[in-house]
Amino acid sequence: MSRRCDVCGKGPLSSASRSHSNIKSKRRLYLNLQVKRIEGKRKKVCANCLKTMSKTT
């Protein structure tokens, strides 16, 4: 199951987690995905797309 928005196609970003001693380790920043029923099908949609869709409809 991919962590990707079915509407805009955005996926997770990579970033660095910094410790107190400033040591860098890789981490992933995931999207705020919500499962919504759109046009009769269940889709994973990011919160940003949901906000935009509520403005246009």
PDB file of N, CA and C in Angstrom:
ATOM      1  N   MET A   1       0.846  -1.172   0.000  1.00  0.00           N
ATOM      2  CA  MET A   1       0.000   0.000   0.000  1.00  0.00           C
ATOM      3  C   MET A   1       0.891   1.235   0.000  1.00  0.00           C
ATOM      4  N   SER A   2       0.848   1.996  -1.080  1.00  0.00           N
ATOM      5  CA  SER A   2       1.743   3.135  -1.194  1.00  0.00           C
ATOM      6  C   SER A   2       1.189   4.337  -0.435  1.00  0.00           C
ATOM      7  N   ARG A   3       2.088   5.132   0.083  1.00  0.00           N
ATOM      8  CA  ARG A   3       1.696   6.356   0.782  1.00  0.00           C
ATOM      9  C   ARG A   3       1.779   7.501  -0.208  1.00  0.00           C
ATOM     10  N   ARG A   4       0.850   7.506  -1.127  1.00  0.00           N
ATOM     11  CA  ARG A   4       0.839   8.487  -2.211  1.00  0.00           C
ATOM     12  C   ARG A   4      -0.582   8.970  -2.411  1.00  0.00           C
ATOM     13  N   CYS A   5      -0.742  10.263  -2.685  1.00  0.00           N
ATOM     14  CA  CYS A   5      -2.062  10.840  -2.922  1.00  0.00           C
ATOM     15  C   CYS A   5      -2.561  10.405  -4.296  1.00  0.00           C
ATOM     16  N   ASP A   6      -3.807   9.894  -4.353  1.00  0.00           N
ATOM     17  CA  ASP A   6      -4.371   9.444  -5.624  1.00  0.00           C
ATOM     18  C   ASP A   6      -4.800  10.599  -6.504  1.00  0.00           C
ATOM     19  N   VAL A   7      -4.923  11.805  -5.954  1.00  0.00           N
ATOM     20  CA  VAL A   7      -5.369  12.959  -6.738  1.00  0.00           C
ATOM     21  C   VAL A   7      -4.180  13.708  -7.339  1.00  0.00           C
ATOM     22  N   CYS A   8      -3.253  14.149  -6.496  1.00  0.00           N
ATOM     23  CA  CYS A   8      -2.140  14.970  -6.998  1.00  0.00           C
ATOM     24  C   CYS A   8      -0.854  14.184  -7.214  1.00  0.00           C
ATOM     25  N   GLY A   9      -0.757  12.978  -6.637  1.00  0.00           N
ATOM     26  CA  GLY A   9       0.429  12.149  -6.842  1.00  0.00           C
ATOM     27  C   GLY A   9       1.585  12.449  -5.908  1.00  0.00           C
ATOM     28  N   LYS A  10       1.368  13.291  -4.898  1.00  0.00           N
ATOM     29  CA  LYS A  10       2.434  13.592  -3.949  1.00  0.00           C
ATOM     30  C   LYS A  10       2.792  12.359  -3.141  1.00  0.00           C
ATOM     31  N   GLY A  11       4.084  12.225  -2.824  1.00  0.00           N
ATOM     32  CA  GLY A  11       4.560  11.116  -2.017  1.00  0.00           C
ATOM     33  C   GLY A  11       5.350  11.633  -0.830  1.00  0.00           C
ATOM     34  N   PRO A  12       5.936  10.740  -0.042  1.00  0.00           N
ATOM     35  CA  PRO A  12       6.695  11.167   1.130  1.00  0.00           C
ATOM     36  C   PRO A  12       7.987  11.883   0.745  1.00  0.00           C
ATOM     37  N   LEU A  13       8.414  12.802   1.601  1.00  0.00           N
ATOM     38  CA  LEU A  13       9.657  13.535   1.412  1.00  0.00           C
ATOM     39  C   LEU A  13      10.719  12.947   2.318  1.00  0.00           C
ATOM     40  N   SER A  14      11.983  13.180   1.971  1.00  0.00           N
ATOM     41  CA  SER A  14      13.052  12.751   2.862  1.00  0.00           C
ATOM     42  C   SER A  14      13.619  13.980   3.553  1.00  0.00           C
ATOM     43  N   SER A  15      13.997  13.791   4.802  1.00  0.00           N
ATOM     44  CA  SER A  15      14.492  14.897   5.601  1.00  0.00           C
ATOM     45  C   SER A  15      15.544  14.360   6.559  1.00  0.00           C
ATOM     46  N   ALA A  16      16.064  15.242   7.403  1.00  0.00           N
ATOM     47  CA  ALA A  16      17.060  14.838   8.386  1.00  0.00           C
ATOM     48  C   ALA A  16      16.515  15.090   9.777  1.00  0.00           C
ATOM     49  N   SER A  17      16.693  14.112  10.644  1.00  0.00           N
ATOM     50  CA  SER A  17      16.352  14.255  12.050  1.00  0.00           C
ATOM     51  C   SER A  17      17.636  14.642  12.772  1.00  0.00           C
ATOM     52  N   ARG A  18      17.565  15.683  13.584  1.00  0.00           N
ATOM     53  CA  ARG A  18      18.760  16.160  14.282  1.00  0.00           C
ATOM     54  C   ARG A  18      18.659  15.872  15.765  1.00  0.00           C
ATOM     55  N   SER A  19      19.693  15.262  16.317  1.00  0.00           N
ATOM     56  CA  SER A  19      19.712  14.964  17.744  1.00  0.00           C
ATOM     57  C   SER A  19      20.208  16.194  18.513  1.00  0.00           C
ATOM     58  N   HIS A  20      20.242  16.064  19.818  1.00  0.00           N
ATOM     59  CA  HIS A  20      20.707  17.162  20.660  1.00  0.00           C
ATOM     60  C   HIS A  20      22.167  17.498  20.358  1.00  0.00           C
ATOM     61  N   SER A  21      22.958  16.484  20.003  1.00  0.00           N
ATOM     62  CA  SER A  21      24.366  16.721  19.674  1.00  0.00           C
ATOM     63  C   SER A  21      24.554  17.028  18.190  1.00  0.00           C
ATOM     64  N   ASN A  22      23.467  17.303  17.493  1.00  0.00           N
ATOM     65  CA  ASN A  22      23.456  17.729  16.090  1.00  0.00           C
ATOM     66  C   ASN A  22      23.866  16.616  15.123  1.00  0.00           C
ATOM     67  N   ILE A  23      23.738  15.358  15.539  1.00  0.00           N
ATOM     68  CA  ILE A  23      23.994  14.236  14.638  1.00  0.00           C
ATOM     69  C   ILE A  23      22.791  14.092  13.713  1.00  0.00           C
ATOM     70  N   LYS A  24      23.085  13.897  12.441  1.00  0.00           N
ATOM     71  CA  LYS A  24      22.032  13.827  11.430  1.00  0.00           C
ATOM     72  C   LYS A  24      21.715  12.376  11.112  1.00  0.00           C
ATOM     73  N   SER A  25      20.408  12.046  11.073  1.00  0.00           N
ATOM     74  CA  SER A  25      19.989  10.727  10.608  1.00  0.00           C
ATOM     75  C   SER A  25      18.781  10.912   9.704  1.00  0.00           C
ATOM     76  N   LYS A  26      18.679  10.061   8.696  1.00  0.00           N
ATOM     77  CA  LYS A  26      17.613  10.214   7.710  1.00  0.00           C
ATOM     78  C   LYS A  26      16.262   9.811   8.286  1.00  0.00           C
ATOM     79  N   ARG A  27      15.224  10.529   7.857  1.00  0.00           N
ATOM     80  CA  ARG A  27      13.859  10.207   8.234  1.00  0.00           C
ATOM     81  C   ARG A  27      12.949  10.553   7.076  1.00  0.00           C
ATOM     82  N   ARG A  28      11.703  10.098   7.134  1.00  0.00           N
ATOM     83  CA  ARG A  28      10.753  10.381   6.063  1.00  0.00           C
ATOM     84  C   ARG A  28       9.608  11.218   6.602  1.00  0.00           C
ATOM     85  N   LEU A  29       9.198  12.198   5.831  1.00  0.00           N
ATOM     86  CA  LEU A  29       8.050  13.036   6.177  1.00  0.00           C
ATOM     87  C   LEU A  29       6.878  12.552   5.339  1.00  0.00           C
ATOM     88  N   TYR A  30       5.871  11.977   5.992  1.00  0.00           N
ATOM     89  CA  TYR A  30       4.732  11.422   5.286  1.00  0.00           C
ATOM     90  C   TYR A  30       3.623  12.451   5.149  1.00  0.00           C
ATOM     91  N   LEU A  31       2.791  12.253   4.136  1.00  0.00           N
ATOM     92  CA  LEU A  31       1.647  13.130   3.906  1.00  0.00           C
ATOM     93  C   LEU A  31       0.540  12.843   4.906  1.00  0.00           C
ATOM     94  N   ASN A  32      -0.352  13.795   5.049  1.00  0.00           N
ATOM     95  CA  ASN A  32      -1.545  13.611   5.866  1.00  0.00           C
ATOM     96  C   ASN A  32      -2.617  12.999   4.966  1.00  0.00           C
ATOM     97  N   LEU A  33      -2.577  11.665   4.820  1.00  0.00           N
ATOM     98  CA  LEU A  33      -3.495  10.981   3.911  1.00  0.00           C
ATOM     99  C   LEU A  33      -4.784  10.599   4.618  1.00  0.00           C
ATOM    100  N   GLN A  34      -5.901  10.824   3.944  1.00  0.00           N
ATOM    101  CA  GLN A  34      -7.225  10.456   4.427  1.00  0.00           C
ATOM    102  C   GLN A  34      -7.855   9.542   3.380  1.00  0.00           C
ATOM    103  N   VAL A  35      -8.567   8.524   3.817  1.00  0.00           N
ATOM    104  CA  VAL A  35      -9.269   7.651   2.878  1.00  0.00           C
ATOM    105  C   VAL A  35     -10.679   8.200   2.718  1.00  0.00           C
ATOM    106  N   LYS A  36     -11.023   8.633   1.506  1.00  0.00           N
ATOM    107  CA  LYS A  36     -12.326   9.221   1.217  1.00  0.00           C
ATOM    108  C   LYS A  36     -12.940   8.526   0.019  1.00  0.00           C
ATOM    109  N   ARG A  37     -14.254   8.517  -0.016  1.00  0.00           N
ATOM    110  CA  ARG A  37     -14.973   7.941  -1.150  1.00  0.00           C
ATOM    111  C   ARG A  37     -15.246   9.072  -2.141  1.00  0.00           C
ATOM    112  N   ILE A  38     -14.622   8.978  -3.319  1.00  0.00           N
ATOM    113  CA  ILE A  38     -14.777   9.991  -4.375  1.00  0.00           C
ATOM    114  C   ILE A  38     -15.277   9.284  -5.611  1.00  0.00           C
ATOM    115  N   GLU A  39     -16.422   9.734  -6.113  1.00  0.00           N
ATOM    116  CA  GLU A  39     -17.063   9.157  -7.305  1.00  0.00           C
ATOM    117  C   GLU A  39     -17.282   7.654  -7.144  1.00  0.00           C
ATOM    118  N   GLY A  40     -17.659   7.225  -5.934  1.00  0.00           N
ATOM    119  CA  GLY A  40     -17.973   5.831  -5.675  1.00  0.00           C
ATOM    120  C   GLY A  40     -16.781   4.929  -5.435  1.00  0.00           C
ATOM    121  N   LYS A  41     -15.568   5.468  -5.432  1.00  0.00           N
ATOM    122  CA  LYS A  41     -14.368   4.661  -5.205  1.00  0.00           C
ATOM    123  C   LYS A  41     -13.608   5.204  -4.003  1.00  0.00           C
ATOM    124  N   ARG A  42     -13.018   4.267  -3.226  1.00  0.00           N
ATOM    125  CA  ARG A  42     -12.208   4.688  -2.094  1.00  0.00           C
ATOM    126  C   ARG A  42     -10.847   5.151  -2.595  1.00  0.00           C
ATOM    127  N   LYS A  43     -10.465   6.369  -2.233  1.00  0.00           N
ATOM    128  CA  LYS A  43      -9.179   6.912  -2.653  1.00  0.00           C
ATOM    129  C   LYS A  43      -8.452   7.492  -1.452  1.00  0.00           C
ATOM    130  N   LYS A  44      -7.119   7.401  -1.509  1.00  0.00           N
ATOM    131  CA  LYS A  44      -6.297   8.041  -0.493  1.00  0.00           C
ATOM    132  C   LYS A  44      -5.966   9.447  -0.989  1.00  0.00           C
ATOM    133  N   VAL A  45      -6.426  10.441  -0.241  1.00  0.00           N
ATOM    134  CA  VAL A  45      -6.298  11.833  -0.665  1.00  0.00           C
ATOM    135  C   VAL A  45      -5.584  12.605   0.436  1.00  0.00           C
ATOM    136  N   CYS A  46      -4.632  13.461   0.046  1.00  0.00           N
ATOM    137  CA  CYS A  46      -3.947  14.268   1.046  1.00  0.00           C
ATOM    138  C   CYS A  46      -4.871  15.389   1.525  1.00  0.00           C
ATOM    139  N   ALA A  47      -4.625  15.881   2.723  1.00  0.00           N
ATOM    140  CA  ALA A  47      -5.477  16.899   3.338  1.00  0.00           C
ATOM    141  C   ALA A  47      -5.471  18.183   2.515  1.00  0.00           C
ATOM    142  N   ASN A  48      -4.364  18.448   1.854  1.00  0.00           N
ATOM    143  CA  ASN A  48      -4.269  19.645   1.018  1.00  0.00           C
ATOM    144  C   ASN A  48      -5.246  19.564  -0.158  1.00  0.00           C
ATOM    145  N   CYS A  49      -5.356  18.396  -0.789  1.00  0.00           N
ATOM    146  CA  CYS A  49      -6.292  18.212  -1.902  1.00  0.00           C
ATOM    147  C   CYS A  49      -7.731  18.277  -1.405  1.00  0.00           C
ATOM    148  N   LEU A  50      -8.004  17.712  -0.218  1.00  0.00           N
ATOM    149  CA  LEU A  50      -9.346  17.761   0.339  1.00  0.00           C
ATOM    150  C   LEU A  50      -9.788  19.204   0.571  1.00  0.00           C
ATOM    151  N   LYS A  51      -8.873  20.006   1.066  1.00  0.00           N
ATOM    152  CA  LYS A  51      -9.166  21.422   1.311  1.00  0.00           C
ATOM    153  C   LYS A  51      -9.470  22.137   0.005  1.00  0.00           C
ATOM    154  N   THR A  52      -8.692  21.851  -1.026  1.00  0.00           N
ATOM    155  CA  THR A  52      -8.897  22.471  -2.338  1.00  0.00           C
ATOM    156  C   THR A  52     -10.216  22.006  -2.948  1.00  0.00           C
ATOM    157  N   MET A  53     -10.528  20.697  -2.821  1.00  0.00           N
ATOM    158  CA  MET A  53     -11.771  20.175  -3.384  1.00  0.00           C
ATOM    159  C   MET A  53     -12.998  20.785  -2.697  1.00  0.00           C
ATOM    160  N   SER A  54     -12.907  21.049  -1.398  1.00  0.00           N
ATOM    161  CA  SER A  54     -14.045  21.649  -0.701  1.00  0.00           C
ATOM    162  C   SER A  54     -14.242  23.100  -1.129  1.00  0.00           C
ATOM    163  N   LYS A  55     -13.193  23.773  -1.557  1.00  0.00           N
ATOM    164  CA  LYS A  55     -13.322  25.149  -2.052  1.00  0.00           C
ATOM    165  C   LYS A  55     -14.017  25.183  -3.405  1.00  0.00           C
ATOM    166  N   THR A  56     -13.694  24.223  -4.280  1.00  0.00           N
ATOM    167  CA  THR A  56     -14.201  24.270  -5.645  1.00  0.00           C
ATOM    168  C   THR A  56     -15.631  23.741  -5.758  1.00  0.00           C
ATOM    169  N   THR A  57     -16.081  22.911  -4.809  1.00  0.00           N
ATOM    170  CA  THR A  57     -17.434  22.370  -4.911  1.00  0.00           C
ATOM    171  C   THR A  57     -18.389  23.078  -3.975  1.00  0.00           C
TER     172      THR A  57
END
